[in-house]
Amino acid sequence: RLVSKDGRCNIEFGNVEQSRFVFLIDIWTTILDLRWRYKMTIFISAFLGSWFLFGLLWYVVAYIHKDLPEFSPSINHTPCVENINGLTSAFLFSLETQVTIGYGFRCVTEQCATAIFLLIFQSILGVIINSFMCGAILAKISRSKNRAKTITFSKNAVISKRGGKLCLLIRVANLRKSLLIGSHIYGKLLKTTITPEGETIILDQVNIEFVVDAGNENLFFISPLTIYHIIDKNSPFFHMAAETILQQDFELVVFLDGTVEATSATCQVRTSYIPEEVLWGYRFAPIVSKTKEGKYRVDFQNFSK
């Protein structure tokens, strides 16, 4: 199948002529798309690398100005940075500067303009690195596709009569009490077709319209919904039958788009059904009931039954 049950796309790109450097141009999206292990490696490396690099620069400043103990500075000698005795102390001063800890033991004096410029430059660069990396971590955590994991579809689709019409029905549920605003449901039927000119089109897409009793947009998606597609003369399922559907070669991909109420970010949920997952002549078991206390109860044990 092209789309797995949890919405991941089963596709790979080959012989892409564009250089991989084009992904560095859109560095923000590239960072967000990385797996967590690579993202955390970049996160740690960015901070450790900048601390060590500026630690070397602070050591060079102290070395050129002859502030280190091996130069035996005089009692009246004023160093560029107080109490830098080697590479380790230079690294510690770099860390204190960039993360604005400031223990007070090491500090820049008025003796060197180079040290003052380096202090300003590291402070500005440290803010940029901190903003970018922390923003990337926050954006990764709050990505809307994580919200999509709390939207679930039934394992199977069914074909039965609804309102006197033959329909293909699918059940979808929102596992959170917060709503998806402006939800819209639609589908694509993927199949291989041959044009009158003899051209074979793999993954040819046919639009499938899904509706619920109140329409397919701006759904009140607080409880599980049963969406359905009416099988009429305009439907690609019109020429299929219970005896022949298993011999068909198609994949029905269902999409649900909506806006997350808490963050106003848009998200999309996807799933797919192949002929073996479309059951002809079945109905879904009821799952919504009313308790004695007057509350509505959803029994997810029967969600896909």
Foldseek 3Di string as FASTA:
>chain_A
DQAAAFGDGDDDDPPDPDDPCVCVVVVLVVLLPDDPVVLVVCLVCVLLVLLLVQLVVQQVQCVVLVVEVVSVDDPPDDTQKPPDHDSVVSSVVSNCLLVVVCPPRIDGDPPDPVSVVSSVVSNVVSVVSVCSSVVSVVCNVPPCVVQLSQKHKAQFWEWDDDPNFTKIKIKIAGNDQFDFFFKAKWKWKFDWDADPVGDIDHRDTDTFDKAFPVGRTGDPRRGMTMIITTQDPPDPCVPPDQVCLVVDFIKMKMKMWGAGPVPRHIDMTIRIDHSVRYHYPDDQDDAWDADPVGDIGGHCVRRND
